[in-house]
Protein backbone atom coordinates (compact mmCIF):
# COMPACT_ATOMS: atom_id res chain seq x y z
CA MET A 1 -5.44 1.61 11.89
CA LYS A 2 -6.22 -2.11 11.93
CA VAL A 3 -7.64 -3.93 14.97
CA TYR A 4 -7.10 -7.66 15.52
CA SER A 5 -9.58 -9.85 17.36
CA ALA A 6 -8.62 -13.46 18.01
CA SER A 7 -10.81 -16.53 17.82
CA THR A 8 -8.03 -18.65 19.32
CA ARG A 9 -7.92 -19.86 22.91
CA LEU A 10 -6.25 -17.76 25.57
CA PRO A 11 -3.54 -17.16 26.35
CA TYR A 12 -1.75 -16.20 23.18
CA PHE A 13 1.30 -14.01 22.67
CA GLY A 14 2.26 -10.78 20.98
CA VAL A 15 5.25 -8.81 19.73
CA MET A 16 4.88 -5.02 19.57
CA LEU A 17 7.19 -2.65 17.70
CA SER A 18 6.66 1.00 18.64
CA SER A 19 8.69 3.55 16.72
CA LYS A 20 9.11 7.27 16.25
CA LEU A 21 10.29 8.13 12.75
CA ALA A 22 12.53 10.96 11.65
CA SER A 23 10.21 11.49 8.66
CA ASN A 24 7.48 9.75 6.69
CA GLU A 25 10.13 7.57 5.04
CA VAL A 26 8.82 5.63 2.04
CA MET A 27 11.52 2.96 2.30
CA TYR A 28 10.51 2.26 5.89
CA ARG A 29 6.91 1.72 4.76
CA VAL A 30 8.09 -0.68 2.07
CA MET A 31 10.25 -2.62 4.52
CA SER A 32 7.41 -2.73 7.07
CA ASP A 33 5.04 -4.19 4.48
CA LYS A 34 7.61 -6.84 3.57
CA LEU A 35 8.12 -7.64 7.25
CA MET A 36 4.39 -8.12 7.84
CA ALA A 37 4.10 -10.30 4.74
CA LEU A 38 6.97 -12.44 6.04
CA ALA A 39 5.30 -12.86 9.44
CA GLN A 40 2.13 -14.23 7.83
CA ASP A 41 4.06 -17.18 6.39
CA LEU A 42 5.67 -18.23 9.68
CA PRO A 43 4.43 -21.04 11.99
CA GLY A 44 2.12 -19.90 14.78
CA TYR A 45 1.10 -16.56 13.21
CA LEU A 46 -2.41 -15.49 14.24
CA GLY A 47 -2.81 -11.94 12.96
CA ALA A 48 -1.68 -8.35 13.29
CA GLU A 49 -2.80 -4.83 14.03
CA TRP A 50 -1.19 -1.47 13.48
CA ALA A 51 -1.69 2.24 13.99
CA GLY A 52 0.16 5.28 12.71
CA GLY A 53 0.65 8.81 13.89
CA GLU A 54 3.36 10.47 15.94
CA ILE A 55 4.20 6.95 17.13
CA ASP A 56 3.92 4.01 14.72
CA ILE A 57 2.77 0.75 16.31
CA MET A 58 2.90 -2.70 14.69
CA VAL A 59 1.73 -5.72 16.67
CA THR A 60 1.84 -9.38 15.61
CA TYR A 61 0.11 -12.18 17.51
CA TRP A 62 1.33 -15.76 17.92
CA GLN A 63 0.00 -19.07 19.21
CA THR A 64 2.87 -19.85 21.58
CA GLU A 65 5.54 -18.01 23.52
CA GLU A 66 8.16 -19.81 21.42
CA ASP A 67 6.57 -18.52 18.19
CA ALA A 68 6.62 -14.96 19.52
CA ALA A 69 10.23 -15.28 20.68
CA ALA A 70 11.28 -16.62 17.28
CA TRP A 71 9.69 -13.60 15.62
CA THR A 72 11.35 -11.20 18.05
CA GLU A 73 14.75 -12.62 17.12
CA HIS A 74 14.04 -13.26 13.44
CA PRO A 75 17.06 -12.12 11.37
CA VAL A 76 14.93 -9.98 9.03
CA GLN A 77 13.31 -8.23 11.99
CA ARG A 78 16.73 -7.56 13.51
CA ARG A 79 18.12 -6.37 10.17
CA ILE A 80 15.34 -3.81 9.76
CA LEU A 81 15.86 -2.55 13.31
CA SER A 82 19.57 -2.19 12.62
CA LEU A 83 18.95 -0.27 9.40
CA GLY A 84 16.37 1.88 11.16
CA LYS A 85 18.91 3.13 13.68
CA ASP A 86 20.94 4.57 10.83
CA PHE A 87 18.19 5.80 8.51
CA TRP A 88 14.68 6.38 9.89
CA TYR A 89 14.23 5.80 13.65
CA LEU A 90 14.42 8.53 16.25
CA ALA A 91 13.48 5.88 18.81
CA TYR A 92 11.95 2.41 18.93
CA SER A 93 10.87 -0.26 21.40
CA LEU A 94 10.34 -3.98 20.72
CA LYS A 95 8.27 -5.83 23.35
CA GLN A 96 7.05 -9.41 23.75
CA PHE A 97 3.96 -10.02 25.89
CA GLN A 98 1.24 -12.50 26.83
CA VAL A 99 -2.46 -11.85 26.13
CA VAL A 100 -4.62 -13.16 28.97
CA THR A 101 -7.79 -11.14 28.26
CA ASP A 102 -9.45 -10.42 24.91
CA ASP A 103 -12.75 -8.52 24.97
CA PRO A 104 -13.54 -7.74 21.31
CA PHE A 105 -16.28 -5.53 19.87
CA ILE A 106 -17.16 -5.15 16.19
CA LYS A 107 -20.10 -2.98 15.22
CA ALA A 108 -22.76 -4.95 13.35
CA ASP A 109 -22.56 -2.95 10.11
CA GLN A 110 -18.77 -3.36 10.04
CA ALA A 111 -18.98 -7.12 10.57
CA SER A 112 -21.39 -7.44 7.65
CA GLY A 113 -19.28 -5.25 5.40
CA GLU A 114 -21.82 -2.41 5.40
CA GLY A 115 -20.90 1.09 6.50
CA GLU A 116 -17.50 0.79 4.83
CA ARG A 117 -15.54 3.96 5.42
CA PHE A 118 -13.46 3.76 2.24
CA PRO A 119 -14.92 6.02 -0.47
CA ARG A 120 -16.83 4.72 -3.47
CA VAL A 121 -18.66 7.28 -5.60
CA VAL A 122 -20.74 6.21 -8.60
CA THR A 123 -20.91 8.83 -11.38
CA LYS A 124 -22.57 8.91 -14.80
CA ARG A 125 -19.68 7.16 -16.55
CA GLY A 126 -17.70 5.36 -13.90
CA ILE A 127 -16.79 4.68 -10.29
CA LEU A 128 -14.46 6.87 -8.25
CA THR A 129 -12.89 4.82 -5.47
CA LEU A 130 -9.91 4.18 -3.25
CA LEU A 131 -8.21 1.13 -4.73
CA GLU A 132 -8.02 -2.16 -2.83
CA ALA A 133 -5.70 -5.13 -3.31
CA SER A 134 -7.92 -6.74 -5.94
CA HIS A 135 -7.48 -3.64 -8.13
CA THR A 136 -3.69 -4.09 -8.38
CA PRO A 137 -3.84 -5.36 -12.01
CA LEU A 138 -5.83 -2.25 -13.00
CA LEU A 139 -3.21 0.11 -11.56
CA TYR A 140 -0.44 -1.98 -13.14
CA ASP A 141 -2.08 -1.77 -16.57
CA TYR A 142 -2.66 1.97 -16.20
CA VAL A 143 0.91 2.94 -15.32
CA ASN A 144 2.42 0.67 -17.96
CA GLN A 145 0.01 1.33 -20.82
CA GLU A 146 0.17 5.11 -20.28
CA LYS A 147 3.90 5.22 -19.52
CA ASP A 148 5.00 7.03 -22.69
CA PHE A 149 1.97 9.31 -22.82
CA LEU A 150 2.33 10.54 -19.22
CA ALA A 151 6.15 10.78 -19.16
CA PRO A 152 6.33 14.45 -20.35
CA TRP A 153 4.06 15.52 -17.49
CA GLU A 154 5.45 13.52 -14.57
CA PRO A 155 8.69 13.12 -12.58
CA THR A 156 11.23 10.67 -13.97
CA ARG A 157 10.28 7.16 -12.86
CA SER A 158 12.58 4.21 -12.17
CA ASP A 159 11.89 0.83 -13.77
CA ALA A 160 10.77 -0.46 -10.36
CA TYR A 161 7.88 2.04 -10.38
CA TYR A 162 6.19 0.03 -13.13
CA SER A 163 6.42 -3.35 -11.39
CA LEU A 164 3.46 -5.27 -10.01
CA GLU A 165 5.07 -5.27 -6.56
CA THR A 166 5.30 -1.46 -6.54
CA CYS A 167 1.63 -1.23 -7.54
CA GLN A 168 0.75 -3.49 -4.61
CA LEU A 169 2.78 -1.34 -2.22
CA ARG A 170 1.27 1.87 -3.61
CA ILE A 171 -2.25 0.62 -2.94
CA ARG A 172 -1.33 -0.31 0.64
CA GLU A 173 0.15 3.16 1.08
CA MET A 174 -2.95 4.80 -0.41
CA ARG A 175 -5.14 3.03 2.12
CA ARG A 176 -2.79 3.78 5.01
CA ASP A 177 -2.65 7.47 4.07
CA PHE A 178 -6.44 7.57 3.96
CA LEU A 179 -6.79 5.98 7.40
CA GLU A 180 -4.14 8.26 8.87
CA ASP A 181 -5.74 11.44 7.45
CA ARG A 182 -2.77 12.28 5.23
CA GLY A 183 -4.45 12.17 1.84
CA VAL A 184 -6.95 10.52 -0.50
CA VAL A 185 -6.10 8.84 -3.80
CA LEU A 186 -9.28 8.26 -5.78
CA CYS A 187 -9.07 6.34 -9.04
CA PHE A 188 -11.77 6.52 -11.71
CA LEU A 189 -12.76 3.06 -12.94
CA SER A 190 -15.02 1.94 -15.76
CA PRO A 191 -18.59 1.03 -14.71
CA GLU A 192 -17.62 -2.66 -14.87
CA GLU A 193 -14.51 -1.94 -12.75
CA ASP A 194 -12.33 -3.74 -15.28
CA LYS A 195 -10.28 -0.72 -16.40
CA MET A 196 -8.72 2.30 -14.70
CA LEU A 197 -9.48 5.48 -16.64
CA ALA A 198 -8.06 8.26 -14.46
CA TYR A 199 -6.13 9.00 -11.28
CA THR A 200 -6.73 11.79 -8.75
CA ASN A 201 -4.56 12.45 -5.71
CA PHE A 202 -5.54 14.81 -2.89
CA SER A 203 -2.29 14.96 -0.91
CA ASN A 204 -0.51 16.90 1.84
CA VAL A 205 -3.70 17.42 3.83
CA ALA A 206 -3.25 20.27 6.32
CA ARG A 207 -5.72 20.60 9.17
CA GLY A 208 -6.31 23.29 11.78
CA VAL A 209 -6.25 26.82 10.42
CA PHE A 210 -5.51 25.57 6.88
CA GLN A 211 -8.04 22.82 5.98
CA SER A 212 -6.30 22.50 2.62
CA CYS A 213 -4.65 19.98 0.32
CA ASN A 214 -2.84 19.65 -3.00
CA LEU A 215 -4.37 18.07 -6.09
CA GLY A 216 -2.71 15.99 -8.80
CA TYR A 217 -4.33 13.96 -11.55
CA SER A 218 -3.82 12.06 -14.80
CA LEU A 219 -5.99 10.54 -17.53
CA ARG A 220 -5.63 7.80 -20.12
CA GLN A 221 -4.71 9.01 -23.59
CA SER A 222 -7.73 7.25 -25.08
CA GLU A 223 -10.08 9.15 -22.73
CA GLN A 224 -8.79 12.65 -23.55
CA GLY A 225 -11.36 15.19 -24.71
CA LYS A 226 -14.41 13.32 -23.36
CA GLY A 227 -14.92 15.23 -20.11
CA ILE A 228 -13.89 12.18 -18.05
CA MET A 229 -11.26 14.08 -16.07
CA GLN A 230 -13.71 16.82 -15.16
CA GLU A 231 -16.34 14.26 -14.13
CA ALA A 232 -13.87 12.43 -11.88
CA LEU A 233 -12.54 15.63 -10.31
CA GLU A 234 -16.00 17.07 -9.69
CA ALA A 235 -16.95 13.92 -7.78
CA GLY A 236 -13.64 13.89 -5.90
CA LEU A 237 -13.85 17.55 -4.91
CA HIS A 238 -17.42 17.09 -3.68
CA TYR A 239 -16.40 14.08 -1.60
CA LEU A 240 -13.36 15.81 -0.12
CA HIS A 241 -15.31 18.92 0.84
CA LYS A 242 -18.27 17.02 2.29
CA GLU A 243 -16.49 14.16 4.06
CA TRP A 244 -13.05 15.60 4.87
CA HIS A 245 -14.13 19.24 5.29
CA ILE A 246 -11.33 20.49 3.04
CA ASP A 247 -12.18 23.91 1.63
CA ARG A 248 -8.99 25.01 -0.13
CA ILE A 249 -7.57 22.79 -2.88
CA GLN A 250 -4.34 23.80 -4.61
CA ALA A 251 -3.28 22.58 -8.05
CA CYS A 252 -0.56 23.56 -10.50
CA TYR A 253 0.22 22.92 -14.15
CA MET A 254 2.91 23.70 -16.70
CA PRO A 255 2.02 26.72 -18.89
CA ARG A 256 2.07 24.58 -22.05
CA ASN A 257 -0.45 22.08 -20.62
CA ALA A 258 -3.57 23.61 -22.15
CA ARG A 259 -5.83 20.66 -21.34
CA SER A 260 -5.00 20.82 -17.64
CA ALA A 261 -5.52 24.58 -17.61
CA ALA A 262 -8.95 24.16 -19.21
CA VAL A 263 -10.07 21.47 -16.76
CA LEU A 264 -9.09 23.52 -13.71
CA GLN A 265 -10.76 26.63 -15.10
CA LYS A 266 -14.03 24.75 -15.66
CA LEU A 267 -13.88 23.48 -12.08
CA GLY A 268 -13.56 27.02 -10.73
CA PHE A 269 -9.86 27.13 -9.86
CA ASP A 270 -8.38 30.65 -9.84
CA LYS A 271 -4.82 31.50 -10.89
CA GLU A 272 -2.66 32.71 -8.01
CA GLY A 273 0.71 33.14 -9.66
CA LEU A 274 3.59 31.60 -11.56
CA ALA A 275 6.29 29.60 -9.77
CA LYS A 276 9.59 29.57 -11.68
CA ARG A 277 11.39 26.22 -11.97
CA TYR A 278 8.91 24.83 -9.47
CA LEU A 279 8.94 21.06 -10.06
CA LYS A 280 11.36 18.68 -11.77
CA ILE A 281 9.28 17.04 -14.49
CA ASN A 282 10.73 14.43 -16.87
CA GLY A 283 14.23 15.44 -15.78
CA GLN A 284 13.78 19.22 -16.24
CA TRP A 285 12.92 21.99 -13.80
CA GLU A 286 9.64 23.41 -15.07
CA ASP A 287 7.68 26.60 -14.38
CA HIS A 288 4.16 25.99 -13.03
CA VAL A 289 1.01 28.08 -12.88
CA LEU A 290 -0.36 28.01 -9.32
CA THR A 291 -4.13 27.78 -8.86
CA ALA A 292 -6.56 27.18 -6.02
CA LEU A 293 -10.23 26.38 -5.51
CA LEU A 294 -11.85 28.01 -2.48
CA LEU A 295 -14.97 26.40 -1.03
CA ARG A 296 -15.12 28.57 2.10
């Protein structure tokens, strides 16, 4: 969620798109990010706010009624709505309105930048954190420099996956997923924060009677055998259990991946079975050993 508070004179104007999606469609997220980036470059743009959940809400604010009307009828906006009817919307509503009252509140520690809710954990040999926009070059270097090394252990990637734009979109999605309680991607950076060493992804968070998630991870080839992966995962697991109250973490690995098996064993994961042809990795359906860590 993002909240906008204006410093401009009243009244000002807004355009609100409320939508109910058929699924958590990645392409819709990409198109939404492009739409918001476009709005920022248009005359009269003031700011935006958004919230996700069962209903997605995106609001843009404009200086004049004419600016808001132009955005409502912008051809890109209309094109996305048209595509959405065919591909990802169950329902949507686009409204234009006037703001006549604005009564903002920002807690003091948030205004000063303190009390930041995004995780940042300092360990003995690095920093485990949720990436922000300024870290885009680090993610870009990681996926491209480790492309050949990681290929045998990951799904087949398109060329677009390795682009700077995709890295930017991935970081936005990481932060959105965190805010919407869907998952936490924590990347392990060097102490100087000038290099990304490892990647951990706590995904598919299930609440209620489950309180569980899935775990995926990767490590630079040059950092293999140093205990870096274990250090990053120990910090991540501690954070997830303490802050997100997750007490069952599931992870899987291919039987031939001895390093992954050793890391999970050291962390206390127990084997729960073997899933035949479980995931399509590097173009082939691969068996996976299923494991879980219980913190209950």
